[in-house]
Amino acid sequence: MNIRKTAAYLFAFVGLQLIAASAIAQRLQEQANGLPERVQFLSADGNTVLTGFVFKPFIPQAGKAPGVVMMHGRAGPYSSRANGIYDATTLSQRHRFWGRLWATQGYVAILVDGFGPRGYPQGFPRFSYASRPVELDEVTVRPLDAYGALAYLRSRVDVTPDRIGLQGWSNGGSATLATMAPDALAIVKHTPADGFRAALAFYPACRLKDHFAGVGYRTYAPLRVFVGTADEEISPSACRALLADAAGDVQIFFYQGATHDFDDPGIRRQSIPDNAHAREDVIRQATTFFREELAGPPGK
């Protein structure tokens, strides 16, 4: 091989090494910045390709990790300042906070974007419930997205398949209630081993299109619900009525004086003392609950 060809090969080799090093550096920087990995997977409706953002444990796990599926509320997963850019860099601060929190706790968490792939990446304003399209129905459609995300996490080699929890906020909290009901579609057996091991619902709208009127609400796995008594978007009394006689392991907690989005880390919400108290307590309760329900031995 002549000197010219040898030099060309060396330059090519060095170039590939630099590209590889750059890619590794970018991944490390993304991890340091807490940016999740963007993935795509199929909703359990069998048609819709959803977008997800995966937060992985910061410290590599010795084995498989439990998982968390996160369902956004009516405003979608992105910041109100996204300005047409809908990716990992423009996720709302609340979703970033919880995704990173679960990652630091050793979970693989996925935030599901159920609105963007259907043409509504920025979600909907307050009091728009009656005008939202049927393809975003929180009782009949969004649970299928949750189960699609469950199937996706179960397909990953780094996730314990029967140790996956569900967390939802507002409209996503309503979807969480519907997802955990025994008549939810997409799974044959409604058990913690076959579906979600446990669930958290933050300030859901509990009327759920009267789906459970006359029959009562029942959950197939442990469920914890958190509502502020001063919520200006949903009815705390409707949640009290729905869950007062619920069957299964259901507990609802009311935070006196807390508003909607009380766990949002932004100044506007956290300047309200009752919200700050509620946020502190819900973080404690949520992490303890999932640690007890998701970190135990299989078959618990």
C-alpha atoms as a PDB file:
ATOM      1  CA  MET A   1       0.000   0.000   0.000  1.00  0.00           C
ATOM      2  CA  ASN A   2       1.502   3.340  -0.975  1.00  0.00           C
ATOM      3  CA  ILE A   3       1.909   6.275   1.363  1.00  0.00           C
ATOM      4  CA  ARG A   4      -0.972   8.226  -0.194  1.00  0.00           C
ATOM      5  CA  LYS A   5      -3.461   5.375   0.286  1.00  0.00           C
ATOM      6  CA  THR A   6      -2.192   4.720   3.788  1.00  0.00           C
ATOM      7  CA  ALA A   7      -2.704   8.365   4.681  1.00  0.00           C
ATOM      8  CA  ALA A   8      -6.227   8.288   3.229  1.00  0.00           C
ATOM      9  CA  TYR A   9      -7.129   5.241   5.308  1.00  0.00           C
ATOM     10  CA  LEU A  10      -5.692   6.854   8.412  1.00  0.00           C
ATOM     11  CA  PHE A  11      -7.665  10.039   7.834  1.00  0.00           C
ATOM     12  CA  ALA A  12     -10.836   8.002   7.271  1.00  0.00           C
ATOM     13  CA  PHE A  13     -10.216   5.962  10.420  1.00  0.00           C
ATOM     14  CA  VAL A  14      -9.536   9.052  12.498  1.00  0.00           C
ATOM     15  CA  GLY A  15     -12.637  10.684  11.032  1.00  0.00           C
ATOM     16  CA  LEU A  16     -14.814   7.735  12.047  1.00  0.00           C
ATOM     17  CA  GLN A  17     -13.305   7.775  15.521  1.00  0.00           C
ATOM     18  CA  LEU A  18     -14.033  11.483  15.856  1.00  0.00           C
ATOM     19  CA  ILE A  19     -17.630  10.970  14.716  1.00  0.00           C
ATOM     20  CA  ALA A  20     -18.054   8.119  17.204  1.00  0.00           C
ATOM     21  CA  ALA A  21     -16.484  10.180  19.969  1.00  0.00           C
ATOM     22  CA  SER A  22     -18.734  13.113  19.103  1.00  0.00           C
ATOM     23  CA  ALA A  23     -21.838  10.896  19.242  1.00  0.00           C
ATOM     24  CA  ILE A  24     -20.783   9.504  22.617  1.00  0.00           C
ATOM     25  CA  ALA A  25     -20.071  13.009  23.905  1.00  0.00           C
ATOM     26  CA  GLN A  26     -23.489  14.154  22.702  1.00  0.00           C
ATOM     27  CA  ARG A  27     -25.226  11.264  24.462  1.00  0.00           C
ATOM     28  CA  LEU A  28     -23.299  11.980  27.654  1.00  0.00           C
ATOM     29  CA  GLN A  29     -24.189  15.663  27.420  1.00  0.00           C
ATOM     30  CA  GLU A  30     -27.853  14.808  26.845  1.00  0.00           C
ATOM     31  CA  GLN A  31     -27.763  12.556  29.884  1.00  0.00           C
ATOM     32  CA  ALA A  32     -26.103  15.284  31.928  1.00  0.00           C
ATOM     33  CA  ASN A  33     -28.764  17.727  30.780  1.00  0.00           C
ATOM     34  CA  GLY A  34     -31.482  15.222  31.611  1.00  0.00           C
ATOM     35  CA  LEU A  35     -32.703  15.039  28.015  1.00  0.00           C
ATOM     36  CA  PRO A  36     -34.688  11.869  27.394  1.00  0.00           C
ATOM     37  CA  GLU A  37     -34.473   9.616  24.357  1.00  0.00           C
ATOM     38  CA  ARG A  38     -37.194  10.107  21.737  1.00  0.00           C
ATOM     39  CA  VAL A  39     -38.832   6.856  20.639  1.00  0.00           C
ATOM     40  CA  GLN A  40     -41.880   5.779  18.659  1.00  0.00           C
ATOM     41  CA  PHE A  41     -44.235   2.900  19.298  1.00  0.00           C
ATOM     42  CA  LEU A  42     -47.719   1.747  18.377  1.00  0.00           C
ATOM     43  CA  SER A  43     -50.787   2.580  20.447  1.00  0.00           C
ATOM     44  CA  ALA A  44     -52.895  -0.414  21.399  1.00  0.00           C
ATOM     45  CA  ASP A  45     -55.477   0.960  18.967  1.00  0.00           C
ATOM     46  CA  GLY A  46     -53.329  -0.771  16.358  1.00  0.00           C
ATOM     47  CA  ASN A  47     -53.101   2.307  14.117  1.00  0.00           C
ATOM     48  CA  THR A  48     -51.565   5.325  15.797  1.00  0.00           C
ATOM     49  CA  VAL A  49     -47.787   5.663  15.966  1.00  0.00           C
ATOM     50  CA  LEU A  50     -47.094   7.515  19.188  1.00  0.00           C
ATOM     51  CA  THR A  51     -44.076   9.478  20.325  1.00  0.00           C
ATOM     52  CA  GLY A  52     -42.476   8.815  23.674  1.00  0.00           C
ATOM     53  CA  PHE A  53     -39.625  10.321  25.670  1.00  0.00           C
ATOM     54  CA  VAL A  54     -37.642   7.814  27.711  1.00  0.00           C
ATOM     55  CA  PHE A  55     -35.852   8.835  30.914  1.00  0.00           C
ATOM     56  CA  LYS A  56     -33.299   6.202  31.919  1.00  0.00           C
ATOM     57  CA  PRO A  57     -31.547   5.726  35.274  1.00  0.00           C
ATOM     58  CA  PHE A  58     -28.552   8.023  35.568  1.00  0.00           C
ATOM     59  CA  ILE A  59     -26.506   5.259  37.190  1.00  0.00           C
ATOM     60  CA  PRO A  60     -26.413   2.025  35.136  1.00  0.00           C
ATOM     61  CA  GLN A  61     -28.457  -0.736  36.756  1.00  0.00           C
ATOM     62  CA  ALA A  62     -27.030  -4.162  37.545  1.00  0.00           C
ATOM     63  CA  GLY A  63     -30.168  -5.782  36.134  1.00  0.00           C
ATOM     64  CA  LYS A  64     -33.539  -4.800  34.765  1.00  0.00           C
ATOM     65  CA  ALA A  65     -35.327  -1.779  36.204  1.00  0.00           C
ATOM     66  CA  PRO A  66     -38.999  -1.165  36.983  1.00  0.00           C
ATOM     67  CA  GLY A  67     -40.786   1.220  34.650  1.00  0.00           C
ATOM     68  CA  VAL A  68     -43.236   4.127  34.728  1.00  0.00           C
ATOM     69  CA  VAL A  69     -45.622   5.255  31.978  1.00  0.00           C
ATOM     70  CA  MET A  70     -46.484   8.968  32.227  1.00  0.00           C
ATOM     71  CA  MET A  71     -49.638  10.462  30.678  1.00  0.00           C
ATOM     72  CA  HIS A  72     -49.766  14.232  30.123  1.00  0.00           C
ATOM     73  CA  GLY A  73     -52.769  16.479  30.677  1.00  0.00           C
ATOM     74  CA  ARG A  74     -54.933  18.546  28.319  1.00  0.00           C
ATOM     75  CA  ALA A  75     -52.085  20.978  27.496  1.00  0.00           C
ATOM     76  CA  GLY A  76     -49.933  18.194  26.049  1.00  0.00           C
ATOM     77  CA  PRO A  77     -46.380  17.251  27.067  1.00  0.00           C
ATOM     78  CA  TYR A  78     -44.630  20.395  25.819  1.00  0.00           C
ATOM     79  CA  SER A  79     -43.964  23.816  27.280  1.00  0.00           C
ATOM     80  CA  SER A  80     -46.337  26.636  26.376  1.00  0.00           C
ATOM     81  CA  ARG A  81     -43.199  28.364  25.043  1.00  0.00           C
ATOM     82  CA  ALA A  82     -42.314  25.537  22.636  1.00  0.00           C
ATOM     83  CA  ASN A  83     -42.944  27.884  19.701  1.00  0.00           C
ATOM     84  CA  GLY A  84     -43.472  25.111  17.180  1.00  0.00           C
ATOM     85  CA  ILE A  85     -40.537  22.977  18.330  1.00  0.00           C
ATOM     86  CA  TYR A  86     -41.860  19.763  19.840  1.00  0.00           C
ATOM     87  CA  ASP A  87     -39.022  17.584  21.047  1.00  0.00           C
ATOM     88  CA  ALA A  88     -37.102  16.621  24.189  1.00  0.00           C
ATOM     89  CA  THR A  89     -35.783  20.175  24.598  1.00  0.00           C
ATOM     90  CA  THR A  90     -39.266  21.713  24.889  1.00  0.00           C
ATOM     91  CA  LEU A  91     -40.961  19.320  27.297  1.00  0.00           C
ATOM     92  CA  SER A  92     -42.727  21.129  30.121  1.00  0.00           C
ATOM     93  CA  GLN A  93     -40.801  21.583  33.344  1.00  0.00           C
ATOM     94  CA  ARG A  94     -43.275  19.427  35.258  1.00  0.00           C
ATOM     95  CA  HIS A  95     -42.788  16.454  32.932  1.00  0.00           C
ATOM     96  CA  ARG A  96     -39.022  16.933  32.927  1.00  0.00           C
ATOM     97  CA  PHE A  97     -39.015  17.023  36.700  1.00  0.00           C
ATOM     98  CA  TRP A  98     -40.960  13.797  37.137  1.00  0.00           C
ATOM     99  CA  GLY A  99     -39.089  11.975  34.386  1.00  0.00           C
ATOM    100  CA  ARG A 100     -35.767  12.874  35.970  1.00  0.00           C
ATOM    101  CA  LEU A 101     -37.069  12.028  39.431  1.00  0.00           C
ATOM    102  CA  TRP A 102     -38.047   8.517  38.362  1.00  0.00           C
ATOM    103  CA  ALA A 103     -34.690   8.137  36.607  1.00  0.00           C
ATOM    104  CA  THR A 104     -32.810   9.098  39.788  1.00  0.00           C
ATOM    105  CA  GLN A 105     -34.927   6.545  41.654  1.00  0.00           C
ATOM    106  CA  GLY A 106     -33.767   3.818  39.265  1.00  0.00           C
ATOM    107  CA  TYR A 107     -36.816   3.585  36.970  1.00  0.00           C
ATOM    108  CA  VAL A 108     -37.096   3.643  33.188  1.00  0.00           C
ATOM    109  CA  ALA A 109     -39.862   6.201  32.635  1.00  0.00           C
ATOM    110  CA  ILE A 110     -41.609   7.072  29.389  1.00  0.00           C
ATOM    111  CA  LEU A 111     -43.655  10.221  28.807  1.00  0.00           C
ATOM    112  CA  VAL A 112     -46.280   9.490  26.151  1.00  0.00           C
ATOM    113  CA  ASP A 113     -47.182  12.188  23.625  1.00  0.00           C
ATOM    114  CA  GLY A 114     -50.698  11.158  22.687  1.00  0.00           C
ATOM    115  CA  PHE A 115     -51.746  14.518  21.242  1.00  0.00           C
ATOM    116  CA  GLY A 116     -48.898  15.459  18.889  1.00  0.00           C
ATOM    117  CA  PRO A 117     -49.159  12.404  16.609  1.00  0.00           C
ATOM    118  CA  ARG A 118     -52.879  13.170  16.239  1.00  0.00           C
ATOM    119  CA  GLY A 119     -52.247  16.768  15.224  1.00  0.00           C
ATOM    120  CA  TYR A 120     -52.562  18.599  18.566  1.00  0.00           C
ATOM    121  CA  PRO A 121     -49.024  18.941  19.953  1.00  0.00           C
ATOM    122  CA  GLN A 122     -49.820  22.038  22.018  1.00  0.00           C
ATOM    123  CA  GLY A 123     -52.951  20.501  23.509  1.00  0.00           C
ATOM    124  CA  PHE A 124     -55.951  22.600  24.476  1.00  0.00           C
ATOM    125  CA  PRO A 125     -56.713  25.658  26.615  1.00  0.00           C
ATOM    126  CA  ARG A 126     -58.740  25.626  29.809  1.00  0.00           C
ATOM    127  CA  PHE A 127     -62.485  25.020  29.571  1.00  0.00           C
ATOM    128  CA  SER A 128     -62.252  23.540  26.069  1.00  0.00           C
ATOM    129  CA  TYR A 129     -63.418  20.083  27.133  1.00  0.00           C
ATOM    130  CA  ALA A 130     -66.676  20.048  25.155  1.00  0.00           C
ATOM    131  CA  SER A 131     -64.926  20.919  21.891  1.00  0.00           C
ATOM    132  CA  ARG A 132     -62.070  18.395  21.974  1.00  0.00           C
ATOM    133  CA  PRO A 133     -62.017  15.744  19.234  1.00  0.00           C
ATOM    134  CA  VAL A 134     -63.231  12.210  19.935  1.00  0.00           C
ATOM    135  CA  GLU A 135     -59.888  10.725  18.876  1.00  0.00           C
ATOM    136  CA  LEU A 136     -58.456  12.055  22.151  1.00  0.00           C
ATOM    137  CA  ASP A 137     -61.158  10.612  24.418  1.00  0.00           C
ATOM    138  CA  GLU A 138     -59.688   9.932  27.852  1.00  0.00           C
ATOM    139  CA  VAL A 139     -62.033   7.004  28.549  1.00  0.00           C
ATOM    140  CA  THR A 140     -61.978   5.082  25.277  1.00  0.00           C
ATOM    141  CA  VAL A 141     -58.802   6.167  23.455  1.00  0.00           C
ATOM    142  CA  ARG A 142     -56.065   7.352  25.801  1.00  0.00           C
ATOM    143  CA  PRO A 143     -56.054   4.097  27.816  1.00  0.00           C
ATOM    144  CA  LEU A 144     -55.060   2.374  24.571  1.00  0.00           C
ATOM    145  CA  ASP A 145     -52.069   4.717  24.392  1.00  0.00           C
ATOM    146  CA  ALA A 146     -51.150   3.813  27.971  1.00  0.00           C
ATOM    147  CA  TYR A 147     -51.242   0.116  27.138  1.00  0.00           C
ATOM    148  CA  GLY A 148     -49.237   0.744  23.984  1.00  0.00           C
ATOM    149  CA  ALA A 149     -46.553   2.347  26.159  1.00  0.00           C
ATOM    150  CA  LEU A 150     -46.778  -0.586  28.565  1.00  0.00           C
ATOM    151  CA  ALA A 151     -46.124  -3.002  25.696  1.00  0.00           C
ATOM    152  CA  TYR A 152     -43.218  -0.838  24.526  1.00  0.00           C
ATOM    153  CA  LEU A 153     -41.554  -0.825  27.951  1.00  0.00           C
ATOM    154  CA  ARG A 154     -42.052  -4.573  28.225  1.00  0.00           C
ATOM    155  CA  SER A 155     -40.188  -4.996  24.947  1.00  0.00           C
ATOM    156  CA  ARG A 156     -37.081  -3.281  26.331  1.00  0.00           C
ATOM    157  CA  VAL A 157     -34.258  -5.418  27.683  1.00  0.00           C
ATOM    158  CA  ASP A 158     -33.642  -2.956  30.537  1.00  0.00           C
ATOM    159  CA  VAL A 159     -37.166  -3.076  32.018  1.00  0.00           C
ATOM    160  CA  THR A 160     -38.727  -5.625  34.369  1.00  0.00           C
ATOM    161  CA  PRO A 161     -41.897  -6.456  32.413  1.00  0.00           C
ATOM    162  CA  ASP A 162     -44.239  -7.035  35.356  1.00  0.00           C
ATOM    163  CA  ARG A 163     -43.027  -4.045  37.398  1.00  0.00           C
ATOM    164  CA  ILE A 164     -44.468  -1.078  35.534  1.00  0.00           C
ATOM    165  CA  GLY A 165     -46.552   1.712  37.042  1.00  0.00           C
ATOM    166  CA  LEU A 166     -48.774   4.395  35.530  1.00  0.00           C
ATOM    167  CA  GLN A 167     -48.876   8.114  36.340  1.00  0.00           C
ATOM    168  CA  GLY A 168     -51.213  10.703  34.856  1.00  0.00           C
ATOM    169  CA  TRP A 169     -52.011  14.383  35.299  1.00  0.00           C
ATOM    170  CA  SER A 170     -55.396  16.083  34.778  1.00  0.00           C
ATOM    171  CA  ASN A 171     -56.822  14.675  31.522  1.00  0.00           C
ATOM    172  CA  GLY A 172     -54.061  12.081  31.721  1.00  0.00           C
ATOM    173  CA  GLY A 173     -55.158  11.431  35.295  1.00  0.00           C
ATOM    174  CA  SER A 174     -58.672  10.750  34.026  1.00  0.00           C
ATOM    175  CA  ALA A 175     -57.157   8.422  31.432  1.00  0.00           C
ATOM    176  CA  THR A 176     -55.303   6.726  34.283  1.00  0.00           C
ATOM    177  CA  LEU A 177     -58.559   6.041  36.129  1.00  0.00           C
ATOM    178  CA  ALA A 178     -60.086   4.559  32.971  1.00  0.00           C
ATOM    179  CA  THR A 179     -56.936   2.549  32.255  1.00  0.00           C
ATOM    180  CA  MET A 180     -56.994   0.912  35.675  1.00  0.00           C
ATOM    181  CA  ALA A 181     -60.655  -0.151  35.461  1.00  0.00           C
ATOM    182  CA  PRO A 182     -61.443  -3.826  34.831  1.00  0.00           C
ATOM    183  CA  ASP A 183     -63.295  -3.032  31.612  1.00  0.00           C
ATOM    184  CA  ALA A 184     -60.320  -1.235  30.044  1.00  0.00           C
ATOM    185  CA  LEU A 185     -59.545  -2.465  26.550  1.00  0.00           C
ATOM    186  CA  ALA A 186     -56.204  -3.772  25.232  1.00  0.00           C
ATOM    187  CA  ILE A 187     -55.465  -6.446  27.845  1.00  0.00           C
ATOM    188  CA  VAL A 188     -57.289  -9.740  28.325  1.00  0.00           C
ATOM    189  CA  LYS A 189     -56.570 -10.236  32.027  1.00  0.00           C
ATOM    190  CA  HIS A 190     -57.017  -7.242  34.269  1.00  0.00           C
ATOM    191  CA  THR A 191     -54.464  -8.097  36.940  1.00  0.00           C
ATOM    192  CA  PRO A 192     -51.342  -6.331  38.234  1.00  0.00           C
ATOM    193  CA  ALA A 193     -49.170  -8.997  36.605  1.00  0.00           C
ATOM    194  CA  ASP A 194     -50.791  -8.598  33.182  1.00  0.00           C
ATOM    195  CA  GLY A 195     -51.412  -4.848  33.273  1.00  0.00           C
ATOM    196  CA  PHE A 196     -49.996  -2.056  35.394  1.00  0.00           C
ATOM    197  CA  ARG A 197     -48.699  -2.949  38.824  1.00  0.00           C
ATOM    198  CA  ALA A 198     -49.886   0.345  40.395  1.00  0.00           C
ATOM    199  CA  ALA A 199     -51.035   3.832  39.390  1.00  0.00           C
ATOM    200  CA  LEU A 200     -50.962   7.507  40.404  1.00  0.00           C
ATOM    201  CA  ALA A 201     -53.609  10.002  39.254  1.00  0.00           C
ATOM    202  CA  PHE A 202     -53.019  13.709  39.876  1.00  0.00           C
ATOM    203  CA  TYR A 203     -56.104  15.985  39.839  1.00  0.00           C
ATOM    204  CA  PRO A 204     -58.180  13.960  37.352  1.00  0.00           C
ATOM    205  CA  ALA A 205     -61.574  15.038  36.096  1.00  0.00           C
ATOM    206  CA  CYS A 206     -63.557  12.251  37.693  1.00  0.00           C
ATOM    207  CA  ARG A 207     -66.865  12.380  35.858  1.00  0.00           C
ATOM    208  CA  LEU A 208     -65.350  10.315  33.037  1.00  0.00           C
ATOM    209  CA  LYS A 209     -68.314  10.879  30.746  1.00  0.00           C
ATOM    210  CA  ASP A 210     -70.515   9.015  33.268  1.00  0.00           C
ATOM    211  CA  HIS A 211     -68.843   5.782  32.180  1.00  0.00           C
ATOM    212  CA  PHE A 212     -69.081   4.358  35.703  1.00  0.00           C
ATOM    213  CA  ALA A 213     -72.478   5.831  36.616  1.00  0.00           C
ATOM    214  CA  GLY A 214     -74.691   3.216  38.208  1.00  0.00           C
ATOM    215  CA  VAL A 215     -72.013   0.534  38.289  1.00  0.00           C
ATOM    216  CA  GLY A 216     -69.385   2.130  40.501  1.00  0.00           C
ATOM    217  CA  TYR A 217     -65.671   2.423  40.015  1.00  0.00           C
ATOM    218  CA  ARG A 218     -63.285  -0.469  40.554  1.00  0.00           C
ATOM    219  CA  THR A 219     -59.555  -0.821  39.997  1.00  0.00           C
ATOM    220  CA  TYR A 220     -57.597  -3.994  39.315  1.00  0.00           C
ATOM    221  CA  ALA A 221     -54.374  -2.707  40.963  1.00  0.00           C
ATOM    222  CA  PRO A 222     -53.442  -0.245  43.733  1.00  0.00           C
ATOM    223  CA  LEU A 223     -54.344   3.338  42.830  1.00  0.00           C
ATOM    224  CA  ARG A 224     -53.608   6.615  44.590  1.00  0.00           C
ATOM    225  CA  VAL A 225     -55.376   9.844  43.624  1.00  0.00           C
ATOM    226  CA  PHE A 226     -54.323  13.376  44.627  1.00  0.00           C
ATOM    227  CA  VAL A 227     -56.597  16.417  44.367  1.00  0.00           C
ATOM    228  CA  GLY A 228     -56.438  20.021  45.606  1.00  0.00           C
ATOM    229  CA  THR A 229     -59.569  21.365  47.281  1.00  0.00           C
ATOM    230  CA  ALA A 230     -59.154  24.724  45.476  1.00  0.00           C
ATOM    231  CA  ASP A 231     -58.784  23.139  42.041  1.00  0.00           C
ATOM    232  CA  GLU A 232     -60.174  25.563  39.472  1.00  0.00           C
ATOM    233  CA  GLU A 233     -60.378  23.119  36.555  1.00  0.00           C
ATOM    234  CA  ILE A 234     -61.858  19.891  37.917  1.00  0.00           C
ATOM    235  CA  SER A 235     -64.424  19.086  40.583  1.00  0.00           C
ATOM    236  CA  PRO A 236     -62.957  17.696  43.830  1.00  0.00           C
ATOM    237  CA  SER A 237     -66.475  16.694  44.879  1.00  0.00           C
ATOM    238  CA  ALA A 238     -66.888  14.601  41.723  1.00  0.00           C
ATOM    239  CA  CYS A 239     -63.711  12.707  42.611  1.00  0.00           C
ATOM    240  CA  ARG A 240     -64.924  12.222  46.165  1.00  0.00           C
ATOM    241  CA  ALA A 241     -68.235  10.849  44.853  1.00  0.00           C
ATOM    242  CA  LEU A 242     -66.629   8.529  42.291  1.00  0.00           C
ATOM    243  CA  LEU A 243     -64.083   7.031  44.656  1.00  0.00           C
ATOM    244  CA  ALA A 244     -65.975   7.069  47.966  1.00  0.00           C
ATOM    245  CA  ASP A 245     -67.217   3.522  47.484  1.00  0.00           C
ATOM    246  CA  ALA A 246     -64.679   2.349  44.924  1.00  0.00           C
ATOM    247  CA  ALA A 247     -63.769  -1.321  44.955  1.00  0.00           C
ATOM    248  CA  GLY A 248     -60.155  -2.369  45.069  1.00  0.00           C
ATOM    249  CA  ASP A 249     -57.109  -0.752  46.622  1.00  0.00           C
ATOM    250  CA  VAL A 250     -57.999   2.923  46.028  1.00  0.00           C
ATOM    251  CA  GLN A 251     -57.079   5.885  48.197  1.00  0.00           C
ATOM    252  CA  ILE A 252     -57.727   9.564  47.491  1.00  0.00           C
ATOM    253  CA  PHE A 253     -55.899  12.422  49.179  1.00  0.00           C
ATOM    254  CA  PHE A 254     -57.184  15.994  49.290  1.00  0.00           C
ATOM    255  CA  TYR A 255     -54.797  18.905  49.759  1.00  0.00           C
ATOM    256  CA  GLN A 256     -56.498  21.813  51.487  1.00  0.00           C
ATOM    257  CA  GLY A 257     -56.181  25.021  49.461  1.00  0.00           C
ATOM    258  CA  ALA A 258     -54.128  23.474  46.652  1.00  0.00           C
ATOM    259  CA  THR A 259     -55.014  24.334  43.054  1.00  0.00           C
ATOM    260  CA  HIS A 260     -54.837  22.497  39.746  1.00  0.00           C
ATOM    261  CA  ASP A 261     -51.232  21.726  38.723  1.00  0.00           C
ATOM    262  CA  PHE A 262     -50.113  22.009  42.340  1.00  0.00           C
ATOM    263  CA  ASP A 263     -47.009  19.911  41.587  1.00  0.00           C
ATOM    264  CA  ASP A 264     -45.835  22.183  38.753  1.00  0.00           C
ATOM    265  CA  PRO A 265     -42.380  23.449  39.850  1.00  0.00           C
ATOM    266  CA  GLY A 266     -42.879  26.881  38.254  1.00  0.00           C
ATOM    267  CA  ILE A 267     -42.941  30.034  40.348  1.00  0.00           C
ATOM    268  CA  ARG A 268     -46.566  30.845  39.537  1.00  0.00           C
ATOM    269  CA  ARG A 269     -47.868  27.645  41.149  1.00  0.00           C
ATOM    270  CA  GLN A 270     -45.258  27.303  43.881  1.00  0.00           C
ATOM    271  CA  SER A 271     -45.770  30.871  45.111  1.00  0.00           C
ATOM    272  CA  ILE A 272     -49.015  29.535  46.611  1.00  0.00           C
ATOM    273  CA  PRO A 273     -48.050  28.056  50.006  1.00  0.00           C
ATOM    274  CA  ASP A 274     -50.697  25.317  49.869  1.00  0.00           C
ATOM    275  CA  ASN A 275     -49.349  24.205  46.496  1.00  0.00           C
ATOM    276  CA  ALA A 276     -45.798  24.096  47.812  1.00  0.00           C
ATOM    277  CA  HIS A 277     -46.941  21.926  50.716  1.00  0.00           C
ATOM    278  CA  ALA A 278     -48.953  19.661  48.431  1.00  0.00           C
ATOM    279  CA  ARG A 279     -46.046  19.268  46.012  1.00  0.00           C
ATOM    280  CA  GLU A 280     -43.651  18.290  48.761  1.00  0.00           C
ATOM    281  CA  ASP A 281     -46.076  15.742  50.154  1.00  0.00           C
ATOM    282  CA  VAL A 282     -47.114  14.244  46.805  1.00  0.00           C
ATOM    283  CA  ILE A 283     -43.482  13.685  45.811  1.00  0.00           C
ATOM    284  CA  ARG A 284     -42.940  11.836  49.082  1.00  0.00           C
ATOM    285  CA  GLN A 285     -46.098   9.787  48.726  1.00  0.00           C
ATOM    286  CA  ALA A 286     -45.597   8.968  45.044  1.00  0.00           C
ATOM    287  CA  THR A 287     -41.999   7.819  45.431  1.00  0.00           C
ATOM    288  CA  THR A 288     -42.833   5.736  48.499  1.00  0.00           C
ATOM    289  CA  PHE A 289     -45.866   4.168  46.825  1.00  0.00           C
ATOM    290  CA  PHE A 290     -44.025   3.146  43.671  1.00  0.00           C
ATOM    291  CA  ARG A 291     -41.043   1.918  45.666  1.00  0.00           C
ATOM    292  CA  GLU A 292     -43.334  -0.374  47.638  1.00  0.00           C
ATOM    293  CA  GLU A 293     -45.401  -1.547  44.656  1.00  0.00           C
ATOM    294  CA  LEU A 294     -42.835  -1.737  41.858  1.00  0.00           C
ATOM    295  CA  ALA A 295     -39.542  -2.632  43.516  1.00  0.00           C
ATOM    296  CA  GLY A 296     -40.614  -5.863  45.210  1.00  0.00           C
ATOM    297  CA  PRO A 297     -39.993  -9.404  43.966  1.00  0.00           C
ATOM    298  CA  PRO A 298     -41.949 -10.581  40.889  1.00  0.00           C
ATOM    299  CA  GLY A 299     -45.259 -12.167  41.727  1.00  0.00           C
ATOM    300  CA  LYS A 300     -45.906 -10.025  44.792  1.00  0.00           C
END
